[in-house]
Amino acid sequence: MRGVSLNVNVGQTVALVGASGCGKSTTVQLIQRFYDPEQGTVLLDGRDIKSLNVKWLRQQIGEIEGVGSVLGQGAWPSSEINV
């Protein structure tokens, strides 16, 4: 993945939609710190998420994974995140 930038406002719901293998799950896993990026940083309110408590961070994020038709998005696979 290169050049990914995602700005989400408090209380906003974001759906990541795309073809299989395009990075939806990877993006969610990086945000939830299931692993750290090899290059670059993941920031939350301007702070590197490596400085945050992982348990707290994951409690702040709601996630639904599924086929887009379940989420009203047609046939695209998707991940929905609520922060």
N, C-alpha and C. Protein backbone atom coordinates (compact mmCIF):
# COMPACT_ATOMS: atom_id res chain seq x y z
N MET A 1 0.85 -1.17 0.00
CA MET A 1 0.00 0.00 0.00
C MET A 1 0.89 1.23 0.00
N ARG A 2 0.51 2.22 -0.77
CA ARG A 2 1.27 3.46 -0.84
C ARG A 2 0.33 4.66 -0.91
N GLY A 3 0.70 5.69 -0.19
CA GLY A 3 -0.03 6.94 -0.29
C GLY A 3 -1.45 6.91 0.24
N VAL A 4 -1.74 6.05 1.19
CA VAL A 4 -3.09 5.98 1.74
C VAL A 4 -3.26 7.06 2.79
N SER A 5 -4.31 7.84 2.68
CA SER A 5 -4.63 8.87 3.65
C SER A 5 -6.13 8.81 3.90
N LEU A 6 -6.50 8.76 5.18
CA LEU A 6 -7.91 8.65 5.54
C LEU A 6 -8.17 9.57 6.71
N ASN A 7 -9.05 10.53 6.54
CA ASN A 7 -9.43 11.44 7.61
C ASN A 7 -10.87 11.14 8.01
N VAL A 8 -11.06 10.82 9.30
CA VAL A 8 -12.38 10.46 9.80
C VAL A 8 -12.71 11.37 10.98
N ASN A 9 -13.86 12.01 10.93
CA ASN A 9 -14.29 12.88 12.03
C ASN A 9 -14.92 12.05 13.15
N VAL A 10 -14.89 12.57 14.36
CA VAL A 10 -15.48 11.89 15.50
C VAL A 10 -16.94 11.55 15.21
N GLY A 11 -17.33 10.31 15.49
CA GLY A 11 -18.70 9.87 15.27
C GLY A 11 -19.04 9.50 13.85
N GLN A 12 -18.13 9.70 12.93
CA GLN A 12 -18.37 9.42 11.53
C GLN A 12 -18.20 7.93 11.24
N THR A 13 -19.03 7.41 10.34
CA THR A 13 -18.90 6.03 9.87
C THR A 13 -18.30 6.06 8.48
N VAL A 14 -17.33 5.18 8.26
CA VAL A 14 -16.63 5.12 6.98
C VAL A 14 -16.71 3.69 6.46
N ALA A 15 -17.02 3.53 5.19
CA ALA A 15 -17.02 2.22 4.55
C ALA A 15 -15.86 2.15 3.57
N LEU A 16 -15.05 1.11 3.70
CA LEU A 16 -13.99 0.85 2.74
C LEU A 16 -14.52 -0.19 1.78
N VAL A 17 -14.63 0.17 0.51
CA VAL A 17 -15.26 -0.69 -0.47
C VAL A 17 -14.31 -0.88 -1.64
N GLY A 18 -14.19 -2.11 -2.11
CA GLY A 18 -13.34 -2.36 -3.27
C GLY A 18 -13.21 -3.83 -3.55
N ALA A 19 -12.49 -4.11 -4.61
CA ALA A 19 -12.29 -5.49 -5.05
C ALA A 19 -11.43 -6.25 -4.05
N SER A 20 -11.53 -7.55 -4.10
CA SER A 20 -10.73 -8.41 -3.25
C SER A 20 -9.24 -8.13 -3.47
N GLY A 21 -8.50 -7.99 -2.36
CA GLY A 21 -7.06 -7.78 -2.46
C GLY A 21 -6.63 -6.34 -2.59
N CYS A 22 -7.56 -5.38 -2.50
CA CYS A 22 -7.18 -3.98 -2.71
C CYS A 22 -6.68 -3.28 -1.44
N GLY A 23 -6.76 -3.95 -0.27
CA GLY A 23 -6.20 -3.37 0.94
C GLY A 23 -7.19 -2.97 2.01
N LYS A 24 -8.46 -3.32 1.86
CA LYS A 24 -9.47 -2.94 2.86
C LYS A 24 -9.13 -3.52 4.23
N SER A 25 -8.94 -4.81 4.29
CA SER A 25 -8.64 -5.48 5.57
C SER A 25 -7.30 -5.04 6.12
N THR A 26 -6.32 -4.86 5.26
CA THR A 26 -5.01 -4.38 5.70
C THR A 26 -5.12 -3.02 6.35
N THR A 27 -5.90 -2.13 5.76
CA THR A 27 -6.09 -0.80 6.32
C THR A 27 -6.71 -0.88 7.71
N VAL A 28 -7.75 -1.69 7.85
CA VAL A 28 -8.42 -1.84 9.15
C VAL A 28 -7.45 -2.44 10.17
N GLN A 29 -6.69 -3.44 9.77
CA GLN A 29 -5.75 -4.08 10.69
C GLN A 29 -4.64 -3.12 11.12
N LEU A 30 -4.21 -2.25 10.24
CA LEU A 30 -3.22 -1.24 10.61
C LEU A 30 -3.80 -0.24 11.61
N ILE A 31 -5.03 0.19 11.37
CA ILE A 31 -5.69 1.14 12.27
C ILE A 31 -5.88 0.52 13.65
N GLN A 32 -6.19 -0.77 13.71
CA GLN A 32 -6.42 -1.45 14.98
C GLN A 32 -5.14 -2.01 15.60
N ARG A 33 -4.02 -1.79 14.95
CA ARG A 33 -2.70 -2.23 15.42
C ARG A 33 -2.56 -3.73 15.58
N PHE A 34 -3.17 -4.48 14.68
CA PHE A 34 -2.90 -5.91 14.66
C PHE A 34 -1.50 -6.15 14.14
N TYR A 35 -0.98 -5.19 13.39
CA TYR A 35 0.44 -5.14 13.05
C TYR A 35 0.78 -3.70 12.70
N ASP A 36 2.08 -3.41 12.69
CA ASP A 36 2.55 -2.06 12.43
C ASP A 36 3.06 -1.95 11.00
N PRO A 37 2.98 -0.76 10.42
CA PRO A 37 3.46 -0.58 9.05
C PRO A 37 4.98 -0.73 8.98
N GLU A 38 5.47 -1.29 7.88
CA GLU A 38 6.91 -1.39 7.67
C GLU A 38 7.51 -0.02 7.39
N GLN A 39 6.73 0.85 6.77
CA GLN A 39 7.15 2.22 6.49
C GLN A 39 5.98 3.14 6.79
N GLY A 40 6.27 4.38 7.10
CA GLY A 40 5.22 5.35 7.36
C GLY A 40 4.65 5.21 8.76
N THR A 41 3.60 5.97 9.03
CA THR A 41 2.98 5.96 10.35
C THR A 41 1.46 5.98 10.22
N VAL A 42 0.81 5.53 11.26
CA VAL A 42 -0.64 5.64 11.38
C VAL A 42 -0.88 6.62 12.51
N LEU A 43 -1.56 7.71 12.21
CA LEU A 43 -1.78 8.77 13.19
C LEU A 43 -3.24 8.84 13.62
N LEU A 44 -3.45 9.13 14.89
CA LEU A 44 -4.78 9.38 15.43
C LEU A 44 -4.69 10.70 16.16
N ASP A 45 -5.44 11.69 15.71
CA ASP A 45 -5.36 13.04 16.27
C ASP A 45 -3.92 13.55 16.29
N GLY A 46 -3.17 13.23 15.24
CA GLY A 46 -1.80 13.70 15.10
C GLY A 46 -0.78 12.92 15.89
N ARG A 47 -1.21 11.88 16.62
CA ARG A 47 -0.30 11.06 17.43
C ARG A 47 -0.10 9.70 16.77
N ASP A 48 1.12 9.24 16.76
CA ASP A 48 1.42 7.91 16.26
C ASP A 48 0.68 6.90 17.14
N ILE A 49 -0.10 6.01 16.54
CA ILE A 49 -0.88 5.08 17.35
C ILE A 49 -0.01 4.09 18.11
N LYS A 50 1.27 4.00 17.78
CA LYS A 50 2.18 3.14 18.55
C LYS A 50 2.30 3.63 19.99
N SER A 51 1.99 4.91 20.23
CA SER A 51 2.09 5.47 21.58
C SER A 51 0.81 5.24 22.40
N LEU A 52 -0.23 4.67 21.77
CA LEU A 52 -1.52 4.47 22.44
C LEU A 52 -1.64 3.04 22.97
N ASN A 53 -2.42 2.88 24.02
CA ASN A 53 -2.72 1.57 24.57
C ASN A 53 -3.57 0.81 23.56
N VAL A 54 -3.10 -0.37 23.15
CA VAL A 54 -3.77 -1.14 22.10
C VAL A 54 -5.20 -1.52 22.51
N LYS A 55 -5.40 -1.94 23.74
CA LYS A 55 -6.73 -2.32 24.20
C LYS A 55 -7.68 -1.13 24.12
N TRP A 56 -7.25 0.03 24.59
CA TRP A 56 -8.06 1.24 24.52
C TRP A 56 -8.38 1.59 23.07
N LEU A 57 -7.36 1.55 22.22
CA LEU A 57 -7.54 1.91 20.81
C LEU A 57 -8.60 1.03 20.16
N ARG A 58 -8.52 -0.26 20.37
CA ARG A 58 -9.48 -1.18 19.75
C ARG A 58 -10.89 -1.01 20.30
N GLN A 59 -11.01 -0.56 21.54
CA GLN A 59 -12.33 -0.31 22.12
C GLN A 59 -12.99 0.92 21.50
N GLN A 60 -12.23 1.79 20.87
CA GLN A 60 -12.75 3.01 20.27
C GLN A 60 -13.30 2.79 18.86
N ILE A 61 -13.05 1.61 18.30
CA ILE A 61 -13.37 1.34 16.90
C ILE A 61 -14.37 0.20 16.80
N GLY A 62 -15.44 0.42 16.04
CA GLY A 62 -16.39 -0.64 15.72
C GLY A 62 -16.18 -1.05 14.28
N GLU A 63 -16.28 -2.33 14.02
CA GLU A 63 -16.02 -2.82 12.66
C GLU A 63 -17.05 -3.85 12.26
N ILE A 64 -17.49 -3.75 11.00
CA ILE A 64 -18.36 -4.76 10.39
C ILE A 64 -17.69 -5.17 9.10
N GLU A 65 -17.45 -6.44 8.92
CA GLU A 65 -16.92 -6.92 7.65
C GLU A 65 -18.01 -7.70 6.95
N GLY A 66 -18.08 -7.57 5.64
CA GLY A 66 -19.08 -8.34 4.93
C GLY A 66 -19.16 -7.99 3.47
N VAL A 67 -20.05 -8.65 2.81
CA VAL A 67 -20.30 -8.39 1.40
C VAL A 67 -21.12 -7.12 1.29
N GLY A 68 -20.79 -6.28 0.33
CA GLY A 68 -21.45 -4.99 0.17
C GLY A 68 -22.96 -5.05 0.12
N SER A 69 -23.52 -6.12 -0.42
CA SER A 69 -24.98 -6.20 -0.50
C SER A 69 -25.60 -6.22 0.89
N VAL A 70 -24.89 -6.76 1.87
CA VAL A 70 -25.38 -6.76 3.24
C VAL A 70 -25.41 -5.33 3.78
N LEU A 71 -24.45 -4.52 3.37
CA LEU A 71 -24.34 -3.15 3.83
C LEU A 71 -25.01 -2.15 2.89
N GLY A 72 -25.73 -2.65 1.90
CA GLY A 72 -26.43 -1.77 0.96
C GLY A 72 -25.51 -1.14 -0.06
N GLN A 73 -24.40 -1.78 -0.38
CA GLN A 73 -23.43 -1.20 -1.30
C GLN A 73 -23.33 -1.99 -2.61
N GLY A 74 -24.29 -2.82 -2.92
CA GLY A 74 -24.20 -3.61 -4.14
C GLY A 74 -23.40 -4.88 -3.89
N ALA A 75 -22.61 -5.31 -4.86
CA ALA A 75 -21.91 -6.58 -4.77
C ALA A 75 -20.47 -6.47 -4.32
N TRP A 76 -19.99 -5.29 -3.99
CA TRP A 76 -18.59 -5.13 -3.59
C TRP A 76 -18.36 -5.62 -2.18
N PRO A 77 -17.26 -6.37 -1.97
CA PRO A 77 -16.87 -6.68 -0.59
C PRO A 77 -16.50 -5.38 0.11
N SER A 78 -16.73 -5.30 1.43
CA SER A 78 -16.45 -4.04 2.12
C SER A 78 -16.15 -4.26 3.57
N SER A 79 -15.57 -3.24 4.19
CA SER A 79 -15.39 -3.16 5.63
C SER A 79 -15.95 -1.81 6.07
N GLU A 80 -16.69 -1.79 7.16
CA GLU A 80 -17.23 -0.54 7.66
C GLU A 80 -16.64 -0.28 9.03
N ILE A 81 -16.19 0.94 9.23
CA ILE A 81 -15.55 1.32 10.49
C ILE A 81 -16.32 2.46 11.10
N ASN A 82 -16.56 2.40 12.39
CA ASN A 82 -17.20 3.49 13.11
C ASN A 82 -16.27 3.91 14.24
N VAL A 83 -15.90 5.20 14.25
CA VAL A 83 -14.99 5.70 15.28
C VAL A 83 -15.71 6.70 16.16
